[in-house]
Every structure is written in C-alpha cells, then in structure tokens.
Amino acid sequence: MSDDKRLREIVRVLSSYGLRFVYHHKIQNKPDAGDSDAVNLRRAFEKLGPSFIKIGQILSTRLDILPQAFVDELALLQDRAPEFPFEEVERIFFEETGLSLGEVFLSIDEKPLASASIAQVHKAVLRTGESVILKVQRPIIDETLIRDLDILIRLSEWMPPGIIDVIDPKEALEQVKETTLVELDFRNEARLLNEFRDHNKHVACIGVPKVYEGLTKRRVLVEEFIDGVKITNKVALEELGYDMDDISQKLMMSYLKQLFKDGFFHGDPHPGNFLIHDSKIYFIDFGIMGRLNDDMRRSLNQLIEGLASKDIDLMVSVCLELATPREPLDKRRLYTDIEHMFDVYLSNDMKNVHMTEFITDFIRMFKRHNLVIPSELTILAKALSILEGVFQDLSPDLNLIRIAKDYLRENMTLDSVMERFNKEKLLVQSYQLVKDMSELPTNVSKLLKQIVNGRLRLNIDMDDFDEKWTDVKKMFNRVVMSLIIVGLLLSSALMTGTESGQYLGQAGFIISGLFGIWLLISIYRSGNL
C-alpha cells in the first residue's frame, strides 16, 4: 500500500472513530464524552491493524500525552495478531543468520506459542538439547510501523493547539518513534536483558532467561525457555507450596531495588511477563525498559523521603528538579497541592490508598502547573500502575506506599546518603563556597559604604507585581482626579461669595467639570481606570 493511500485510510478511520474526542472536549466541552471517545479510539487502532495496536500500547505507557481515560482504554489493546506462515519464519531466520532451522534446532513447533503485533514466538530445542524460544519479527512490520508513525507525526502538525496538555504532540510522537526503533532491533532487547541479569545476579529470588547471542540478530532472538507457572495462577502456585504474600513482597522489593539502587527497571510488568520457576520470579520480555540517571534516581529517593517525613519543602524542591516549567510557576499553589496530597495519601490510615491513584494525581499536579516531566518518569508511572494491578490480584491487602516507606527506612545507611552527592558537583560546590567566603569581608564593606553614602537600593520581587502595580496606579489616578475636581469646586464656591467673583465662580465650576470629564476620558483610554 502506498503512503498516500495509507494516509487516506488512517484519516478516514480516525475521523470516524477517534478524532471526535477533539470536537467533544475542546469545542463542545462535554465532560462525559471521554469514556465513549476513548473506546472509539481503541477500536480505531484495532481496525488499523498490528502497527497501530503497537503504537496504542506504547501510548498507553505515556500518562503525559493522553488524558487518563484514553490511557486506560489503550492499555486494553490485546497484542494479538494473525499468525504468519511458518515459511516466513524459515526465510527470515535464514536471512538473519545464514543458517537453516534444521542446522540449529533439533526440533521446532510450527504452531507458535504467541503471535503478537511485532513478532511471533515458537518453542524449539537446540541440537545441544536445550529448550529455547525463537522470536521472529513479523514480515515488514518495521517498515509499516515506522511509516504509520511518520504519518501520525504529519497529522499531529494539523492538530489544534491545546488538545494535549503541556507536551507538544509532534514531539511526543517523535519520542514514541525513537522508542519503537530501539524495540524493533532485537539485539537491543538482548543487550537490555543481559544488563538486567547483571544487576540482579546476586538476588536469589530473581531469575532472567539466558540469551543465545550467536543466534540473536536484528529480527531474530533466541533465549532460554522457562517452564514456569504464570504469577497469576494462584491455584497452581499454592499447590506447589508457594505463599502469595511472600511472592508479592519479593517482587515489590525487587522493583524498589531496580528503581532506587540500579536506576534500571522493567517497563512492562504485566502478569504475562512474570513466571515462577525453581523458587524464583523470572522476568521475561525486555522490549520496554526504563532508565533513571543518577540525578533522577537521587531525586526519587528524596521524593520518597519527603513523603515519609512529610517534608513539604523537600517535596517542592524535588518537583522542580524533576520537571521543567513551561511558564512562570506559582509556588504557593504548588505548596497547596502538595499539602493536599499529604493529607490524602499520608494519613494514619493508609489501608485504602492505591499507588495508581497517587501516581495519577501526581502526574495531574505537574500538568496543572505546566511542568513538563521526563518521559522516563511517565514510563515509570505507568509501570507502577500495572504492577499494582498484579499485587491486587496476588495480595489485595498489600500496601505499596507503606512498603516503599519501610524500604527507605531500612536502606537509609550512611553509604546510601553519601551516594546522593555527585563527586564532581561536590567539588564545584566546595570551591564556590570557599570563593564566596573569601569575598564575604569585601562584600560586607561595600554594603556598609553604600548605606553610609545613601546609595543603597533595595529591590523587592512580588508575585503578580505587574497586576498589583496596575491596581495601585488606578487608585492614585482616581485620588488625584478627585482632589483636582474638589479643589476647583471649592475655589469656585469661595469666589461666588463676592459680586465680582460670581461669574468667575460659575465659569470655574464649568471648567472644573469639563476638566474632570477630560481627565476621566484620558485615564480610561490609557487603561488605568
């Protein structure tokens, strides 16, 4: 299908399903239109095929791009696609490796274990006798997916301003395209899997499949087959002697370690990506991973500390470190919002507090203040929301915020505190401190001389100073106008006391009236009335 023909198809389908939410929300301002429009958008993505299903799944991880109703609905997209012929599996494998399936595998199931929008998965046995899975990319999906994303990027340029809060829709879709390009190269997934294994090799309760790197190429991935039980199969797990609360606690502690220690976390922790095998929780499918740099990780540590200690000043400081304001920030409103979150989520009774609600409110708070947050934090927010759903199924009484606070308390050692300080920043700040201290006597002497000589000037910054100054000017204009008119009237009245001044008084009265009218009109025109 040509690009122009595909463009017309996408516009036609989105116009009949998904783009109506623009009209409802921005023109008609219907508050109840969100749910039905979100459903229509999901149906449109399903109708547009595997590439849009994948795009929708990626968008469902971005709470900063779409309204909550749309994010929730797109998360329901089922990553199922029609099976492609086994002959295509053979062809792609040979093109990528230069080997036939028979040269590598002792046996392979022609019936796939799963057929998704990006790839198809088959169970196989290597000639060495090891059980593996063979993941083969869907034919031309790389071309169609990128083509459809490019079309959406073009369409986003026509989108009316204000449809998407804070973030530029074209910029957001370009970020999605960048993520997709990484995911379409299976060598990146293999690299991320190995990095995740290195971070968790000393964690006894966490397992990661082995990757066969010699057989892993851009469109082909071969990794160890884990014959485990799905984490949601509670009956089977309990029959094998597993305790669901214990699994939940270990999974949560593992995730906290990924966030606050490693800075590298699994970005798609839905139930299908966890298997229980040999007393370990196996993480699988590393297509979406999140990464937090040192500064962001330290900020998140401080965020949890601020929540635990109810330190509102620390919370505001961290928010401003994590986000970039798009317009002047009203800090008083930000303080008020954070105080409200303290009252709601950090009360003594935390039994009914859900991480998903907390994260959603936190993201909305950033949006209200036009603070733009990094995409990594939105991936994290969505991942934690998905993870809470897993915990609610395994252990409904588990409270994630309480566990996070306990984790922080137990891991607040001297070493963890010192990790917050970047050595280079510490050296720069130490130099600046010494420099400022050496200049302090000179600066104090200059200040005293300015006071003695009467040259001291004091600058005061006020919130909304321009508006307040306008009000002050209006008030002074009215006062001056009133005094002038009153003065003229009094002088006219005094002059009327004499026979000769009667006519002058009347003339003064008329002049003062005309002058007042003129002054009133001039002030009105200047906008200061």
Protein backbone atom coordinates (compact mmCIF):
# COMPACT_ATOMS: atom_id res chain seq x y z
CA MET A 1 0.00 0.00 0.00
CA SER A 2 1.38 3.42 -0.95
CA ASP A 3 1.99 6.06 1.70
CA ASP A 4 -0.71 8.35 0.31
CA LYS A 5 -3.28 5.57 0.26
CA ARG A 6 -2.38 4.59 3.83
CA LEU A 7 -2.63 8.24 4.88
CA ARG A 8 -6.14 8.48 3.47
CA GLU A 9 -7.12 5.23 5.24
CA ILE A 10 -5.76 6.44 8.59
CA VAL A 11 -7.50 9.81 8.29
CA ARG A 12 -10.77 8.11 7.34
CA VAL A 13 -10.69 5.63 10.23
CA LEU A 14 -9.54 8.13 12.86
CA SER A 15 -12.14 10.64 11.71
CA SER A 16 -14.92 8.08 12.06
CA TYR A 17 -13.70 6.78 15.44
CA GLY A 18 -11.01 8.53 17.38
CA LEU A 19 -10.71 12.16 16.40
CA ARG A 20 -14.22 13.00 17.62
CA PHE A 21 -12.78 13.50 21.09
CA VAL A 22 -11.16 16.71 19.80
CA TYR A 23 -14.61 18.11 18.98
CA HIS A 24 -16.20 16.84 22.19
CA HIS A 25 -13.54 18.02 24.60
CA LYS A 26 -12.36 21.25 23.03
CA ILE A 27 -15.37 22.56 21.14
CA GLN A 28 -18.47 21.19 22.80
CA ASN A 29 -16.72 20.81 26.19
CA LYS A 30 -18.66 17.65 27.05
CA PRO A 31 -17.20 16.21 30.28
CA ASP A 32 -18.96 12.87 29.77
CA ALA A 33 -17.62 12.30 26.26
CA GLY A 34 -14.26 10.95 27.42
CA ASP A 35 -15.12 7.31 28.05
CA SER A 36 -17.00 6.70 24.81
CA ASP A 37 -14.38 8.55 22.77
CA ALA A 38 -11.61 6.52 24.40
CA VAL A 39 -13.39 3.30 23.41
CA ASN A 40 -13.78 4.60 19.87
CA LEU A 41 -10.09 5.45 19.67
CA ARG A 42 -9.15 1.93 20.80
CA ARG A 43 -11.47 0.43 18.19
CA ALA A 44 -9.93 2.65 15.52
CA PHE A 45 -6.44 1.43 16.46
CA GLU A 46 -7.63 -2.17 16.31
CA LYS A 47 -9.14 -1.57 12.88
CA LEU A 48 -5.92 -0.03 11.58
CA GLY A 49 -4.00 -3.24 12.26
CA PRO A 50 -0.89 -4.55 14.09
CA SER A 51 1.21 -1.39 13.70
CA PHE A 52 -1.45 0.78 15.37
CA ILE A 53 -2.01 -1.82 18.09
CA LYS A 54 1.67 -1.47 18.96
CA ILE A 55 1.51 2.32 18.77
CA GLY A 56 -1.52 2.28 21.07
CA GLN A 57 0.29 0.08 23.59
CA ILE A 58 3.22 2.47 23.63
CA LEU A 59 0.93 5.47 24.06
CA SER A 60 -0.77 3.70 26.97
CA THR A 61 2.52 3.99 28.88
CA ARG A 62 2.62 7.78 28.44
CA LEU A 63 0.40 9.45 31.02
CA ASP A 64 1.77 12.83 29.93
CA ILE A 65 0.46 12.56 26.36
CA LEU A 66 -3.20 11.50 26.55
CA PRO A 67 -5.99 12.01 29.10
CA GLN A 68 -6.39 9.28 31.71
CA ALA A 69 -9.46 7.72 30.08
CA PHE A 70 -7.60 7.24 26.81
CA VAL A 71 -4.51 5.80 28.50
CA ASP A 72 -6.63 3.28 30.41
CA GLU A 73 -8.54 2.25 27.29
CA LEU A 74 -5.47 1.85 25.08
CA ALA A 75 -3.95 -0.38 27.76
CA LEU A 76 -6.75 -2.87 26.93
CA LEU A 77 -5.42 -3.38 23.40
CA GLN A 78 -4.73 -7.08 23.02
CA ASP A 79 -1.34 -7.70 21.46
CA ARG A 80 -2.62 -10.49 19.26
CA ALA A 81 -2.23 -10.64 15.51
CA PRO A 82 -2.89 -13.27 12.85
CA GLU A 83 -0.22 -15.94 12.58
CA PHE A 84 2.12 -15.56 9.64
CA PRO A 85 3.21 -18.69 7.70
CA PHE A 86 5.99 -20.87 9.06
CA GLU A 87 7.75 -20.49 5.71
CA GLU A 88 8.23 -16.82 6.61
CA VAL A 89 9.87 -17.89 9.89
CA GLU A 90 12.32 -20.05 7.93
CA ARG A 91 13.04 -17.29 5.41
CA ILE A 92 13.66 -14.54 7.99
CA PHE A 93 15.81 -16.81 10.17
CA PHE A 94 18.00 -17.71 7.18
CA GLU A 95 18.30 -14.07 6.03
CA GLU A 96 19.41 -13.01 9.51
CA THR A 97 21.73 -15.90 10.48
CA GLY A 98 22.73 -17.53 7.20
CA LEU A 99 21.63 -20.87 8.69
CA SER A 100 18.61 -23.07 8.14
CA LEU A 101 16.35 -24.04 11.02
CA GLY A 102 17.48 -27.67 10.68
CA GLU A 103 21.13 -26.71 11.17
CA VAL A 104 20.38 -25.07 14.50
CA PHE A 105 17.37 -26.83 16.02
CA LEU A 106 16.75 -30.46 16.80
CA SER A 107 13.02 -29.70 16.69
CA ILE A 108 10.74 -26.69 16.45
CA ASP A 109 7.00 -26.31 16.93
CA GLU A 110 5.44 -24.89 13.79
CA LYS A 111 2.44 -23.77 15.84
CA PRO A 112 3.50 -20.53 17.56
CA LEU A 113 3.26 -20.03 21.32
CA ALA A 114 2.15 -16.47 20.64
CA SER A 115 1.61 -14.22 17.65
CA ALA A 116 1.83 -10.51 18.51
CA SER A 117 1.92 -7.26 16.59
CA ILE A 118 5.72 -7.18 16.36
CA ALA A 119 6.83 -10.82 16.49
CA GLN A 120 5.87 -14.47 16.56
CA VAL A 121 7.25 -16.87 19.16
CA HIS A 122 7.96 -20.59 18.66
CA LYS A 123 9.21 -23.20 21.11
CA ALA A 124 12.23 -25.17 19.93
CA VAL A 125 15.03 -27.47 21.07
CA LEU A 126 18.63 -26.75 20.13
CA ARG A 127 20.87 -29.51 18.84
CA THR A 128 22.58 -29.33 22.23
CA GLY A 129 19.28 -30.42 23.83
CA GLU A 130 18.44 -27.08 25.46
CA SER A 131 14.84 -25.86 25.30
CA VAL A 132 14.57 -22.34 23.85
CA ILE A 133 12.10 -19.92 22.38
CA LEU A 134 12.61 -18.47 18.92
CA LYS A 135 11.27 -14.94 18.48
CA VAL A 136 10.96 -13.85 14.83
CA GLN A 137 9.92 -10.36 13.76
CA ARG A 138 6.73 -10.08 11.71
CA PRO A 139 7.43 -9.54 7.99
CA ILE A 140 7.83 -5.84 7.03
CA ILE A 141 6.45 -4.71 10.41
CA ASP A 142 9.47 -2.43 10.77
CA GLU A 143 8.54 -0.65 7.55
CA THR A 144 4.79 -0.41 8.22
CA LEU A 145 5.17 0.63 11.86
CA ILE A 146 7.62 3.44 11.12
CA ARG A 147 5.55 4.50 8.10
CA ASP A 148 2.40 4.76 10.25
CA LEU A 149 4.26 6.70 12.94
CA ASP A 150 5.57 9.13 10.34
CA ILE A 151 2.00 9.63 9.10
CA LEU A 152 0.79 10.31 12.66
CA ILE A 153 3.62 12.80 13.13
CA ARG A 154 2.48 14.60 9.96
CA LEU A 155 -1.13 14.56 11.17
CA SER A 156 -0.09 15.96 14.56
CA GLU A 157 1.03 19.18 12.84
CA TRP A 158 -2.63 19.82 11.93
CA MET A 159 -3.87 19.20 15.46
CA PRO A 160 -5.41 22.30 17.10
CA PRO A 161 -3.35 23.74 19.98
CA GLY A 162 -4.37 22.71 23.49
CA ILE A 163 -5.63 19.22 22.62
CA ILE A 164 -2.80 17.58 24.54
CA ASP A 165 -1.90 19.18 27.85
CA VAL A 166 1.61 20.59 28.29
CA ILE A 167 3.53 18.39 25.85
CA ASP A 168 3.84 19.05 22.12
CA PRO A 169 2.05 16.19 20.28
CA LYS A 170 4.63 16.10 17.47
CA GLU A 171 7.45 15.94 20.00
CA ALA A 172 5.65 13.15 21.88
CA LEU A 173 5.14 11.04 18.74
CA GLU A 174 8.77 11.53 17.74
CA GLN A 175 9.73 10.16 21.17
CA VAL A 176 7.46 7.16 20.51
CA LYS A 177 9.15 6.64 17.15
CA GLU A 178 12.58 6.73 18.79
CA THR A 179 11.47 4.11 21.33
CA THR A 180 9.99 1.96 18.58
CA LEU A 181 13.19 1.98 16.53
CA VAL A 182 15.04 0.61 19.54
CA GLU A 183 12.42 -2.09 20.14
CA LEU A 184 12.45 -3.22 16.50
CA ASP A 185 16.09 -4.30 16.82
CA PHE A 186 16.08 -7.49 18.91
CA ARG A 187 19.78 -7.06 19.64
CA ASN A 188 18.81 -4.14 21.85
CA GLU A 189 16.39 -6.36 23.77
CA ALA A 190 19.16 -8.95 24.23
CA ARG A 191 21.52 -6.27 25.49
CA LEU A 192 18.93 -4.94 27.94
CA LEU A 193 18.18 -8.46 29.16
CA ASN A 194 21.86 -9.11 29.88
CA GLU A 195 22.18 -5.77 31.68
CA PHE A 196 19.16 -6.63 33.82
CA ARG A 197 20.69 -10.01 34.65
CA ASP A 198 23.97 -8.38 35.72
CA HIS A 199 22.11 -6.06 38.09
CA ASN A 200 20.23 -8.99 39.67
CA LYS A 201 22.78 -11.82 39.56
CA HIS A 202 23.19 -11.71 43.34
CA VAL A 203 19.44 -11.56 44.08
CA ALA A 204 18.45 -15.12 44.96
CA CYS A 205 14.73 -14.76 44.26
CA ILE A 206 15.03 -13.17 40.78
CA GLY A 207 15.68 -15.06 37.56
CA VAL A 208 16.39 -13.94 33.99
CA PRO A 209 16.44 -16.16 30.87
CA LYS A 210 19.73 -16.81 29.11
CA VAL A 211 20.24 -15.24 25.68
CA TYR A 212 21.98 -17.13 22.89
CA GLU A 213 23.83 -14.17 21.46
CA GLY A 214 25.31 -16.02 18.49
CA LEU A 215 21.79 -16.68 17.19
CA THR A 216 20.37 -13.27 18.07
CA LYS A 217 20.16 -10.76 15.23
CA ARG A 218 18.10 -7.68 14.33
CA ARG A 219 14.93 -9.66 13.55
CA VAL A 220 15.67 -12.88 15.44
CA LEU A 221 16.01 -13.56 19.17
CA VAL A 222 16.80 -16.92 20.77
CA GLU A 223 16.62 -17.26 24.54
CA GLU A 224 16.17 -19.88 27.23
CA PHE A 225 12.70 -21.38 27.60
CA ILE A 226 11.44 -21.04 31.18
CA ASP A 227 9.00 -23.79 32.04
CA GLY A 228 7.36 -21.83 34.81
CA VAL A 229 3.93 -21.04 36.21
CA LYS A 230 2.31 -17.70 35.49
CA ILE A 231 2.36 -15.45 38.51
CA THR A 232 -1.43 -15.05 38.31
CA ASN A 233 -2.09 -18.81 38.53
CA LYS A 234 -2.63 -18.76 42.29
CA VAL A 235 -4.14 -22.24 42.49
CA ALA A 236 -1.17 -23.90 40.79
CA LEU A 237 1.34 -21.90 42.80
CA GLU A 238 -0.30 -22.72 46.13
CA GLU A 239 -0.38 -26.41 45.17
CA LEU A 240 3.38 -26.19 44.62
CA GLY A 241 3.79 -24.71 48.12
CA TYR A 242 4.30 -21.06 47.26
CA ASP A 243 2.99 -18.28 49.50
CA MET A 244 1.38 -15.46 47.54
CA ASP A 245 2.22 -12.76 50.10
CA ASP A 246 5.86 -13.85 50.06
CA ILE A 247 5.95 -13.65 46.24
CA SER A 248 4.39 -10.19 46.37
CA GLN A 249 6.85 -8.90 48.94
CA LYS A 250 9.84 -10.21 46.98
CA LEU A 251 8.57 -8.79 43.73
CA MET A 252 7.96 -5.38 45.28
CA MET A 253 11.38 -5.29 46.99
CA SER A 254 12.98 -6.27 43.68
CA TYR A 255 11.23 -3.42 41.91
CA LEU A 256 12.24 -0.91 44.57
CA LYS A 257 15.84 -2.05 44.14
CA GLN A 258 15.56 -1.56 40.38
CA LEU A 259 14.32 1.99 40.90
CA PHE A 260 16.30 3.35 43.81
CA LYS A 261 19.55 1.41 43.55
CA ASP A 262 20.04 0.23 39.96
CA GLY A 263 18.25 3.02 38.10
CA PHE A 264 17.22 0.41 35.51
CA PHE A 265 13.76 -1.11 35.66
CA HIS A 266 11.36 -3.36 33.74
CA GLY A 267 8.98 -1.04 31.90
CA ASP A 268 6.16 -3.52 31.16
CA PRO A 269 5.49 -5.56 34.32
CA HIS A 270 2.13 -7.01 33.31
CA PRO A 271 1.26 -10.51 34.66
CA GLY A 272 2.30 -12.32 31.47
CA ASN A 273 5.88 -11.14 31.93
CA PHE A 274 6.38 -12.94 35.27
CA LEU A 275 6.93 -16.70 35.66
CA ILE A 276 7.57 -18.61 38.87
CA HIS A 277 10.15 -21.37 38.46
CA ASP A 278 12.54 -23.05 40.88
CA SER A 279 11.62 -20.65 43.72
CA LYS A 280 12.46 -17.64 41.56
CA ILE A 281 10.48 -14.87 39.94
CA TYR A 282 11.56 -14.81 36.30
CA PHE A 283 11.27 -11.52 34.40
CA ILE A 284 10.70 -12.00 30.67
CA ASP A 285 10.14 -9.75 27.63
CA PHE A 286 12.55 -6.83 27.86
CA GLY A 287 11.17 -4.82 24.96
CA ILE A 288 10.29 -1.83 27.18
CA MET A 289 12.83 -0.85 29.82
CA GLY A 290 13.20 2.33 31.83
CA ARG A 291 16.39 4.03 32.84
CA LEU A 292 16.95 6.65 35.54
CA ASN A 293 20.16 8.66 35.60
CA ASP A 294 21.94 9.37 38.87
CA ASP A 295 20.32 12.77 39.39
CA MET A 296 16.83 11.43 38.72
CA ARG A 297 17.42 8.45 40.99
CA ARG A 298 18.60 10.69 43.81
CA SER A 299 15.54 12.88 43.27
CA LEU A 300 13.24 9.86 43.54
CA ASN A 301 14.99 8.81 46.72
CA GLN A 302 14.39 12.28 48.11
CA LEU A 303 10.79 12.15 46.91
CA ILE A 304 10.13 9.02 48.95
CA GLU A 305 11.98 10.56 51.89
CA GLY A 306 9.87 13.69 51.60
CA LEU A 307 6.69 11.61 51.55
CA ALA A 308 7.80 9.55 54.52
CA SER A 309 8.85 12.56 56.62
CA LYS A 310 6.11 14.92 55.30
CA ASP A 311 8.78 17.45 54.36
CA ILE A 312 6.91 19.79 52.03
CA ASP A 313 9.95 21.98 51.28
CA LEU A 314 11.91 18.92 50.15
CA MET A 315 8.97 17.78 48.03
CA VAL A 316 8.70 21.12 46.23
CA SER A 317 12.44 21.20 45.66
CA VAL A 318 12.40 17.69 44.19
CA CYS A 319 9.43 18.51 41.95
CA LEU A 320 11.33 21.44 40.48
CA GLU A 321 14.40 19.25 39.96
CA LEU A 322 12.38 16.58 38.14
CA ALA A 323 10.29 18.90 35.96
CA THR A 324 10.77 21.84 33.64
CA PRO A 325 8.26 24.72 33.88
CA ARG A 326 6.78 25.95 30.60
CA GLU A 327 5.61 29.24 32.14
CA PRO A 328 6.13 31.22 35.39
CA LEU A 329 5.36 28.97 38.33
CA ASP A 330 3.05 29.89 41.19
CA LYS A 331 4.86 28.22 44.10
CA ARG A 332 2.08 28.98 46.55
CA ARG A 333 -0.33 26.83 44.51
CA LEU A 334 2.31 24.11 44.23
CA TYR A 335 2.74 24.08 48.03
CA THR A 336 -1.04 23.90 48.44
CA ASP A 337 -1.32 20.93 46.06
CA ILE A 338 1.45 19.00 47.79
CA GLU A 339 -0.06 19.69 51.21
CA HIS A 340 -3.33 18.27 49.86
CA MET A 341 -1.52 15.13 48.70
CA PHE A 342 -0.03 14.75 52.17
CA ASP A 343 -3.48 14.95 53.70
CA VAL A 344 -4.95 12.41 51.27
CA TYR A 345 -2.19 9.82 50.95
CA LEU A 346 -0.14 10.05 54.14
CA SER A 347 -2.81 9.93 56.79
CA ASN A 348 -2.51 7.46 59.66
CA ASP A 349 -4.92 5.05 57.98
CA MET A 350 -3.32 4.09 54.63
CA LYS A 351 -5.28 0.90 54.08
CA ASN A 352 -7.31 2.26 51.18
CA VAL A 353 -4.51 4.19 49.47
CA HIS A 354 -3.60 2.91 45.99
CA MET A 355 -0.35 3.63 44.19
CA THR A 356 -2.19 4.09 40.88
CA GLU A 357 -4.32 6.90 42.33
CA PHE A 358 -1.29 8.53 43.91
CA ILE A 359 0.73 8.42 40.66
CA THR A 360 -2.18 9.70 38.58
CA ASP A 361 -2.76 12.64 40.94
CA PHE A 362 0.96 13.38 40.96
CA ILE A 363 1.09 13.50 37.14
CA ARG A 364 -2.04 15.69 37.08
CA MET A 365 -0.42 18.05 39.56
CA PHE A 366 2.53 18.51 37.21
CA LYS A 367 0.11 19.15 34.34
CA ARG A 368 -1.86 21.75 36.31
CA HIS A 369 1.32 23.73 36.89
CA ASN A 370 2.53 23.27 33.29
CA LEU A 371 5.56 21.33 34.49
CA VAL A 372 7.00 19.01 31.84
CA ILE A 373 8.43 15.78 33.23
CA PRO A 374 10.91 13.44 31.51
CA SER A 375 9.41 10.55 29.52
CA GLU A 376 11.25 8.09 31.78
CA LEU A 377 9.06 9.16 34.68
CA THR A 378 5.87 8.58 32.71
CA ILE A 379 7.09 5.07 31.78
CA LEU A 380 7.79 4.51 35.48
CA ALA A 381 4.37 5.84 36.47
CA LYS A 382 2.61 3.50 34.06
CA ALA A 383 4.79 0.55 35.10
CA LEU A 384 3.94 1.08 38.77
CA SER A 385 0.25 1.31 37.91
CA ILE A 386 0.44 -2.03 36.07
CA LEU A 387 2.43 -3.54 38.92
CA GLU A 388 -0.17 -2.54 41.47
CA GLY A 389 -2.76 -4.47 39.46
CA VAL A 390 -0.56 -7.56 39.80
CA PHE A 391 -0.30 -7.05 43.56
CA GLN A 392 -4.03 -6.51 43.96
CA ASP A 393 -4.59 -9.88 42.35
CA LEU A 394 -1.89 -11.67 44.36
CA SER A 395 -2.21 -9.91 47.73
CA PRO A 396 -5.13 -7.45 47.93
CA ASP A 397 -4.12 -6.21 51.38
CA LEU A 398 -0.58 -5.28 50.35
CA ASN A 399 0.08 -1.51 50.63
CA LEU A 400 2.77 -0.35 48.23
CA ILE A 401 3.32 3.09 49.78
CA ARG A 402 3.91 1.53 53.21
CA ILE A 403 6.40 -0.96 51.73
CA ALA A 404 8.23 1.86 49.94
CA LYS A 405 8.50 3.80 53.21
CA ASP A 406 9.80 0.71 55.02
CA TYR A 407 12.30 0.10 52.23
CA LEU A 408 13.60 3.64 52.56
CA ARG A 409 13.87 3.37 56.34
CA GLU A 410 15.79 0.09 56.17
CA ASN A 411 18.13 1.28 53.41
CA MET A 412 18.94 4.75 54.74
CA THR A 413 22.53 3.92 55.65
CA LEU A 414 25.49 6.30 55.61
CA ASP A 415 26.60 4.86 52.26
CA SER A 416 23.18 5.45 50.68
CA VAL A 417 23.18 9.04 51.93
CA MET A 418 26.66 9.66 50.50
CA GLU A 419 25.55 8.20 47.16
CA ARG A 420 23.31 11.25 46.73
CA PHE A 421 26.32 13.50 46.36
CA ASN A 422 27.91 13.59 42.96
CA LYS A 423 31.69 13.94 43.48
CA GLU A 424 32.14 16.45 40.68
CA LYS A 425 29.23 18.59 41.92
CA LEU A 426 30.56 18.39 45.48
CA LEU A 427 33.98 19.66 44.35
CA VAL A 428 32.43 22.52 42.37
CA GLN A 429 30.14 23.49 45.26
CA SER A 430 33.06 23.31 47.74
CA TYR A 431 35.14 25.60 45.52
CA GLN A 432 32.24 28.04 45.18
CA LEU A 433 31.71 28.05 48.95
CA VAL A 434 35.38 28.82 49.65
CA LYS A 435 35.34 31.54 46.97
CA ASP A 436 32.21 33.15 48.41
CA MET A 437 33.59 33.02 51.95
CA SER A 438 36.82 34.72 50.85
CA GLU A 439 34.81 37.52 49.22
CA LEU A 440 32.47 37.98 52.19
CA PRO A 441 34.51 40.69 54.07
CA THR A 442 34.85 42.78 50.89
CA ASN A 443 31.14 42.49 50.09
CA VAL A 444 30.15 43.46 53.65
CA SER A 445 32.44 46.51 53.48
CA LYS A 446 30.87 47.61 50.17
CA LEU A 447 27.39 47.21 51.64
CA LEU A 448 28.23 49.39 54.67
CA LYS A 449 29.73 52.13 52.45
CA GLN A 450 26.58 52.21 50.30
CA ILE A 451 24.43 52.60 53.42
CA VAL A 452 26.60 55.44 54.80
CA ASN A 453 26.71 57.25 51.43
CA GLY A 454 22.95 56.87 50.92
CA ARG A 455 23.39 54.86 47.72
CA LEU A 456 21.73 51.65 48.93
CA ARG A 457 18.95 50.42 46.66
CA LEU A 458 16.54 47.70 47.72
CA ASN A 459 14.85 45.58 45.03
CA ILE A 460 11.71 43.69 46.05
CA ASP A 461 10.15 40.96 43.92
CA MET A 462 6.44 40.40 44.35
CA ASP A 463 4.16 37.75 42.89
CA ASP A 464 1.96 39.22 40.12
CA PHE A 465 3.69 42.60 40.60
CA ASP A 466 2.50 43.98 37.26
CA GLU A 467 -1.14 43.38 38.12
CA LYS A 468 -0.74 44.85 41.61
CA TRP A 469 1.07 47.93 40.26
CA THR A 470 -1.73 48.49 37.73
CA ASP A 471 -4.24 48.47 40.58
CA VAL A 472 -2.11 50.97 42.53
CA LYS A 473 -1.91 53.31 39.53
CA LYS A 474 -5.68 53.15 39.09
CA MET A 475 -6.18 54.05 42.73
CA PHE A 476 -3.77 57.06 42.57
CA ASN A 477 -5.34 58.30 39.35
CA ARG A 478 -8.77 58.29 40.94
CA VAL A 479 -7.48 60.06 44.08
CA VAL A 480 -5.64 62.78 42.11
CA MET A 481 -8.62 63.33 39.82
CA SER A 482 -10.92 63.65 42.83
CA LEU A 483 -8.61 66.16 44.59
CA ILE A 484 -8.31 68.34 41.49
CA ILE A 485 -12.04 68.46 40.94
CA VAL A 486 -12.73 69.10 44.64
CA GLY A 487 -10.14 71.92 44.64
CA LEU A 488 -11.71 73.56 41.64
CA LEU A 489 -15.17 73.27 43.09
CA LEU A 490 -14.06 74.80 46.43
CA SER A 491 -12.31 77.66 44.73
CA SER A 492 -15.39 78.30 42.64
CA ALA A 493 -17.57 78.27 45.73
CA LEU A 494 -15.30 80.79 47.50
CA MET A 495 -15.26 83.09 44.54
CA THR A 496 -19.04 83.18 44.34
CA GLY A 497 -19.07 84.91 47.74
CA THR A 498 -18.29 88.25 46.08
CA GLU A 499 -20.36 90.08 43.48
CA SER A 500 -17.43 90.38 41.09
CA GLY A 501 -16.46 86.80 41.51
CA GLN A 502 -19.90 85.33 40.90
CA TYR A 503 -19.38 84.97 37.18
CA LEU A 504 -15.84 83.74 37.71
CA GLY A 505 -17.10 81.10 40.17
CA GLN A 506 -19.67 79.85 37.72
CA ALA A 507 -17.04 79.73 34.99
CA GLY A 508 -14.66 77.86 37.32
CA PHE A 509 -17.38 75.38 38.12
CA ILE A 510 -17.96 74.70 34.43
CA ILE A 511 -14.23 74.49 33.73
CA SER A 512 -13.65 72.07 36.65
CA GLY A 513 -16.47 69.87 35.37
CA LEU A 514 -15.09 69.85 31.83
CA PHE A 515 -11.59 69.21 33.15
CA GLY A 516 -12.83 66.28 35.23
CA ILE A 517 -14.60 64.79 32.20
CA TRP A 518 -11.44 65.21 30.10
CA LEU A 519 -9.30 63.62 32.80
CA LEU A 520 -11.73 60.73 33.14
CA ILE A 521 -11.68 60.05 29.37
CA SER A 522 -7.85 60.19 29.17
CA ILE A 523 -7.43 57.76 32.07
CA TYR A 524 -10.00 55.41 30.57
CA ARG A 525 -8.16 55.42 27.23
CA SER A 526 -4.84 54.69 28.91
CA GLY A 527 -6.33 51.56 30.51
CA ASN A 528 -5.60 52.68 34.06
CA LEU A 529 -9.18 53.09 35.21
